[in-house]
Every structure is written in C-alpha cells, then in structure tokens.
C-alpha cells in the first residue's frame, strides 16, 4: 500500500526532520511493504565546496533524515524516533543538481530499528551510503 506523496512529505516536515523542512524536496515515495522511503531534491551550488562538489555533512544530514523518516512511516507515523548511531561511507562528491536519497528499515525490534540508506548524485552514481540504529521513542523522554 503506497502512501500519498503529499501526505508523506507533510508528515515528515511536520515532525521537524531538518532536511525535509528546509530542502526543496520532490514528492516523497514510501513503499510500506519494503519499508523504503525515497526522496529527491535539487541541491544548488550554494551547498558545494571550493571544488564545486557537494559532500560531507550534507550527505550525513540527508541520510539521517531519510532513514529516520522510513522508521516513522514504517511504524505508522505515530513514533518520534531518534537516530542513535550512524555509520557513513563517503564514496564521492557530486553535484550540484538532482540528488536522490533512499532509506529503509532492515529490521524492527521492541526498542530499536536497524536502517540503511543510499544517496545518489545527479549522474546516478552512489555518492554515500549509511547504516544506523534508530531508537523507537515511546514518549518517555
């Protein structure tokens, strides 16, 4: 069952995930069966370094939000999870241009979810990948 793109993006923006709130994201797609969230955004030259490439902290922020967003949606939009750990592999700088990020839930446990994510640059090349542990916040702090 696919969630409506506007509903998915609005939900993630309302939950104050920083990247979803400030980037010009194209409609998000969530595949509930695969527990996979996909978004794309045009990342302008203002995010590039002196060599004209986007990399580093931007990649980490996008992957954090797309993996956490996948957990939110996989748990029905009711959870307020937080990323506890993130391991990143930076493969190359990319852009500026159209970036695509995907985050998915590998497994769901009673207290934590294991996640993975990928970020592709404008030419489709894999620019970074990540894995993380997301705590399922039950509202107790």
Protein backbone atom coordinates (compact mmCIF):
# COMPACT_ATOMS: atom_id res chain seq x y z
CA UNK A 1 0.00 0.00 0.00
CA UNK A 2 1.58 3.26 -1.15
CA UNK A 3 1.06 6.40 0.92
CA UNK A 4 0.13 9.57 -0.93
CA UNK A 5 3.28 11.63 -1.72
CA UNK A 6 1.89 14.87 -0.29
CA UNK A 7 0.83 13.14 2.91
CA UNK A 8 4.25 11.51 3.36
CA UNK A 9 6.16 14.76 2.79
CA UNK A 10 3.80 16.76 5.01
CA UNK A 11 4.11 14.20 7.82
CA UNK A 12 7.90 14.21 7.71
CA UNK A 13 8.08 18.01 7.55
CA UNK A 14 5.64 18.34 10.47
CA UNK A 15 7.83 16.04 12.58
CA UNK A 16 10.66 18.57 12.24
CA UNK A 17 13.17 16.44 10.39
CA UNK A 18 15.58 19.26 9.42
CA UNK A 19 16.30 18.26 5.82
CA UNK A 20 12.64 17.77 4.98
CA UNK A 21 11.82 21.19 6.39
CA UNK A 22 14.43 23.25 4.53
CA UNK A 23 15.24 21.50 1.26
CA UNK A 24 13.22 21.72 -1.94
CA UNK A 25 12.24 18.05 -1.84
CA UNK A 26 10.28 16.48 -4.64
CA UNK A 27 7.35 14.33 -3.58
CA UNK A 28 8.44 11.54 -1.28
CA UNK A 29 7.55 7.95 -2.06
CA UNK A 30 7.11 5.34 0.63
CA UNK A 31 6.74 1.64 -0.09
CA UNK A 32 5.13 0.27 3.07
CA UNK A 33 5.81 -3.37 2.19
CA UNK A 34 9.53 -2.77 1.62
CA UNK A 35 9.64 -0.11 4.39
CA UNK A 36 11.54 2.12 1.93
CA UNK A 37 11.38 5.92 1.66
CA UNK A 38 12.66 7.71 -1.46
CA UNK A 39 13.02 11.46 -1.94
CA UNK A 40 14.78 13.67 -4.44
CA UNK A 41 15.90 17.27 -4.24
CA UNK A 42 17.69 19.83 -6.34
CA UNK A 43 20.82 20.81 -4.43
CA UNK A 44 22.23 24.10 -5.64
CA UNK A 45 25.76 25.42 -5.93
CA UNK A 46 25.41 27.17 -2.55
CA UNK A 47 25.96 23.74 -0.91
CA UNK A 48 29.12 22.99 -2.93
CA UNK A 49 32.67 23.24 -1.68
CA UNK A 50 35.55 25.08 -3.38
CA UNK A 51 35.84 22.31 -5.96
CA UNK A 52 32.17 22.61 -6.90
CA UNK A 53 31.14 19.36 -5.17
CA UNK A 54 28.51 18.64 -2.54
CA UNK A 55 29.72 16.19 0.12
CA UNK A 56 30.27 15.53 3.82
CA UNK A 57 27.84 16.97 6.34
CA UNK A 58 25.11 17.49 3.79
CA UNK A 59 25.23 13.79 2.91
CA UNK A 60 25.06 12.83 6.62
CA UNK A 61 22.05 15.08 7.25
CA UNK A 62 20.07 13.79 4.28
CA UNK A 63 20.78 10.14 5.13
CA UNK A 64 19.88 10.73 8.79
CA UNK A 65 16.50 12.19 7.83
CA UNK A 66 15.63 9.64 5.15
CA UNK A 67 16.48 6.67 7.43
CA UNK A 68 14.61 8.18 10.39
CA UNK A 69 11.73 9.09 8.06
CA UNK A 70 11.50 5.48 6.91
CA UNK A 71 11.16 4.38 10.56
CA UNK A 72 8.44 6.98 11.23
CA UNK A 73 6.44 5.75 8.25
CA UNK A 74 7.08 2.05 8.89
CA UNK A 75 5.72 2.50 12.42
CA UNK A 76 2.58 4.18 11.14
CA UNK A 77 3.57 7.82 11.64
CA UNK A 78 2.98 7.68 15.38
CA UNK A 79 6.57 7.24 16.58
CA UNK A 80 9.06 10.00 17.30
CA UNK A 81 12.27 8.03 16.78
CA UNK A 82 15.77 9.38 17.09
CA UNK A 83 18.93 8.24 15.36
CA UNK A 84 21.37 6.86 17.92
CA UNK A 85 24.23 5.81 15.65
CA UNK A 86 25.06 6.33 12.02
CA UNK A 87 27.94 4.81 10.09
CA UNK A 88 28.67 6.53 6.79
CA UNK A 89 30.74 5.62 3.77
CA UNK A 90 31.51 8.62 1.59
CA UNK A 91 32.19 7.32 -1.89
CA UNK A 92 32.47 10.53 -3.91
CA UNK A 93 31.45 14.16 -4.03
CA UNK A 94 28.73 15.05 -6.51
CA UNK A 95 26.56 17.78 -7.93
CA UNK A 96 25.19 20.29 -7.74
CA UNK A 97 21.95 19.07 -9.30
CA UNK A 98 19.24 16.47 -8.64
CA UNK A 99 20.05 14.12 -5.75
CA UNK A 100 18.06 11.03 -4.78
CA UNK A 101 18.08 9.55 -1.27
CA UNK A 102 16.58 6.27 -0.13
CA UNK A 103 16.28 5.00 3.41
CA UNK A 104 14.82 1.71 4.52
CA UNK A 105 14.16 -0.27 7.65
CA UNK A 106 16.12 -3.51 7.77
CA UNK A 107 14.55 -4.80 10.99
CA UNK A 108 12.21 -3.62 13.72
CA UNK A 109 12.75 -4.61 17.33
CA UNK A 110 10.91 -3.69 20.50
CA UNK A 111 13.21 -0.75 21.27
CA UNK A 112 15.33 -0.16 18.15
CA UNK A 113 15.18 -0.30 14.37
CA UNK A 114 18.12 -1.05 12.10
CA UNK A 115 18.22 1.13 8.98
CA UNK A 116 20.21 1.62 5.81
CA UNK A 117 20.38 4.44 3.31
CA UNK A 118 21.88 5.49 -0.01
CA UNK A 119 22.41 8.87 -1.62
CA UNK A 120 22.92 9.20 -5.37
CA UNK A 121 24.24 12.26 -7.16
CA UNK A 122 22.92 13.91 -10.31
CA UNK A 123 24.60 11.36 -12.58
CA UNK A 124 23.09 8.44 -10.64
CA UNK A 125 26.41 7.47 -9.09
CA UNK A 126 26.29 6.24 -5.50
CA UNK A 127 27.80 9.12 -3.50
CA UNK A 128 27.29 7.84 0.06
CA UNK A 129 25.71 5.00 1.97
CA UNK A 130 24.88 4.62 5.63
CA UNK A 131 23.53 2.32 8.26
CA UNK A 132 22.03 3.35 11.55
CA UNK A 133 20.31 2.36 14.75
CA UNK A 134 17.13 4.30 15.46
CA UNK A 135 15.52 4.29 18.91
CA UNK A 136 11.77 3.85 18.95
CA UNK A 137 10.85 6.73 21.23
CA UNK A 138 7.79 5.78 23.25
CA UNK A 139 7.33 9.26 24.68
CA UNK A 140 9.21 8.65 27.92
CA UNK A 141 11.99 11.06 27.03
